[in-house]
């Protein structure tokens, strides 16, 4: 006589496996529709590990639900680089990096106000001798 199954293995533990799949699926869908990611395929993995116990009269089931998402696209950041020198010795003392914002000092914005350029990011090189 053939056994009839009315439930799925996914129903064990009050459907906790399905809830895990749904949670990972939500992450996948958010990543899929994020315009900051690429158009490569995403993957949802369901792994069930069955371990026999008590002379194979029982077993434990360990669900591992994971997804392979696409990373955010990164964009290049363009900077102006100015070397700073000590006026007396001519030694390099550091660098002044400035983001390119398209704002020229004194430039007016659409409201008629003077736009301020972005503040520079300064990187200091310290003299190892002193």
Protein backbone atom coordinates (compact mmCIF):
# COMPACT_ATOMS: atom_id res chain seq x y z
CA UNK A 1 0.00 0.00 0.00
CA UNK A 2 1.32 3.39 -0.96
CA UNK A 3 1.52 6.05 1.74
CA UNK A 4 -0.35 9.27 1.20
CA UNK A 5 1.31 12.45 2.32
CA UNK A 6 -0.91 15.28 3.35
CA UNK A 7 1.85 17.56 4.64
CA UNK A 8 5.23 18.69 3.40
CA UNK A 9 8.61 18.55 5.13
CA UNK A 10 8.40 22.34 4.97
CA UNK A 11 5.50 22.18 7.47
CA UNK A 12 7.60 20.79 10.34
CA UNK A 13 8.15 22.97 13.42
CA UNK A 14 4.99 24.94 12.63
CA UNK A 15 6.32 26.02 9.22
CA UNK A 16 9.55 27.57 10.51
CA UNK A 17 11.39 26.54 7.31
CA UNK A 18 8.84 28.40 5.19
CA UNK A 19 9.23 31.48 7.42
CA UNK A 20 13.03 31.30 6.98
CA UNK A 21 12.62 31.01 3.21
CA UNK A 22 10.19 33.96 3.17
CA UNK A 23 12.58 36.13 5.21
CA UNK A 24 15.50 35.37 2.88
CA UNK A 25 13.23 35.89 -0.13
CA UNK A 26 12.37 39.36 1.15
CA UNK A 27 16.10 40.25 1.28
CA UNK A 28 16.53 38.88 -2.24
CA UNK A 29 13.60 40.88 -3.63
CA UNK A 30 14.83 44.13 -2.04
CA UNK A 31 18.27 43.50 -3.57
CA UNK A 32 16.76 42.57 -6.95
CA UNK A 33 14.84 45.83 -7.27
CA UNK A 34 17.64 48.04 -5.88
CA UNK A 35 18.76 50.30 -8.73
CA UNK A 36 22.22 50.44 -7.14
CA UNK A 37 22.88 46.77 -7.96
CA UNK A 38 23.67 44.99 -11.22
CA UNK A 39 21.37 42.85 -13.37
CA UNK A 40 22.97 39.50 -12.55
CA UNK A 41 20.88 36.61 -11.26
CA UNK A 42 20.32 36.14 -7.53
CA UNK A 43 20.14 32.72 -5.88
CA UNK A 44 18.07 31.40 -2.98
CA UNK A 45 19.52 28.24 -1.43
CA UNK A 46 17.58 25.84 0.78
CA UNK A 47 19.70 23.23 2.52
CA UNK A 48 18.20 20.67 4.88
CA UNK A 49 20.65 18.53 6.83
CA UNK A 50 19.27 15.31 8.34
CA UNK A 51 21.23 13.72 11.20
CA UNK A 52 20.23 10.29 12.57
CA UNK A 53 20.02 9.89 16.38
CA UNK A 54 19.27 7.17 18.94
CA UNK A 55 20.13 4.18 16.73
CA UNK A 56 18.42 5.83 13.75
CA UNK A 57 15.04 5.85 15.48
CA UNK A 58 15.05 9.66 15.48
CA UNK A 59 16.58 12.40 13.43
CA UNK A 60 17.26 16.07 13.64
CA UNK A 61 16.70 18.42 10.74
CA UNK A 62 18.78 21.56 10.42
CA UNK A 63 17.54 24.08 7.84
CA UNK A 64 20.03 26.57 6.39
CA UNK A 65 18.46 29.16 4.12
CA UNK A 66 20.82 31.57 2.34
CA UNK A 67 20.82 33.81 -0.67
CA UNK A 68 23.47 35.16 -2.98
CA UNK A 69 22.78 38.83 -3.53
CA UNK A 70 24.46 41.37 -5.80
CA UNK A 71 26.67 43.97 -4.16
CA UNK A 72 25.99 47.68 -4.52
CA UNK A 73 27.62 49.29 -7.52
CA UNK A 74 30.46 51.54 -6.53
CA UNK A 75 31.18 54.79 -8.25
CA UNK A 76 34.50 56.51 -8.73
CA UNK A 77 35.02 59.68 -6.74
CA UNK A 78 37.05 62.33 -8.52
CA UNK A 79 39.35 64.48 -6.41
CA UNK A 80 41.74 67.34 -7.03
CA UNK A 81 45.13 66.60 -5.46
CA UNK A 82 47.41 69.42 -4.36
CA UNK A 83 50.79 68.73 -2.76
CA UNK A 84 51.63 71.00 0.17
CA UNK A 85 55.24 72.02 0.76
CA UNK A 86 57.08 73.60 3.67
CA UNK A 87 57.88 77.13 2.49
CA UNK A 88 61.39 77.09 4.00
CA UNK A 89 62.66 73.58 3.31
CA UNK A 90 60.60 72.62 0.28
CA UNK A 91 59.71 69.28 1.93
CA UNK A 92 56.34 67.73 1.24
CA UNK A 93 54.18 68.25 4.34
CA UNK A 94 50.93 66.78 3.12
CA UNK A 95 48.27 66.67 0.50
CA UNK A 96 45.07 68.62 0.09
CA UNK A 97 42.33 66.60 -1.57
CA UNK A 98 39.20 68.37 -2.77
CA UNK A 99 36.07 66.79 -4.17
CA UNK A 100 35.07 67.97 -7.60
CA UNK A 101 31.64 69.51 -7.04
CA UNK A 102 31.38 71.70 -10.10
CA UNK A 103 31.14 74.72 -7.79
CA UNK A 104 33.60 77.50 -8.54
CA UNK A 105 34.37 79.92 -5.66
CA UNK A 106 31.94 82.85 -5.96
CA UNK A 107 29.55 80.96 -8.25
CA UNK A 108 25.85 81.83 -7.86
CA UNK A 109 23.29 79.06 -7.41
CA UNK A 110 19.74 79.11 -8.82
CA UNK A 111 18.51 81.09 -5.81
CA UNK A 112 21.03 83.86 -6.52
CA UNK A 113 23.16 82.98 -3.48
CA UNK A 114 26.89 82.32 -3.59
CA UNK A 115 27.53 78.55 -3.47
CA UNK A 116 30.24 77.38 -1.14
CA UNK A 117 32.64 74.75 -2.50
CA UNK A 118 32.98 71.54 -0.50
CA UNK A 119 35.49 71.64 2.32
CA UNK A 120 38.73 69.82 1.44
CA UNK A 121 39.76 66.53 2.95
CA UNK A 122 43.28 67.02 4.29
CA UNK A 123 45.76 64.19 4.66
CA UNK A 124 48.88 65.00 6.64
CA UNK A 125 52.23 63.32 6.10
CA UNK A 126 54.27 63.41 9.27
CA UNK A 127 58.03 63.61 9.20
CA UNK A 128 59.36 60.36 10.70
CA UNK A 129 62.58 62.01 11.88
CA UNK A 130 61.04 64.54 14.20
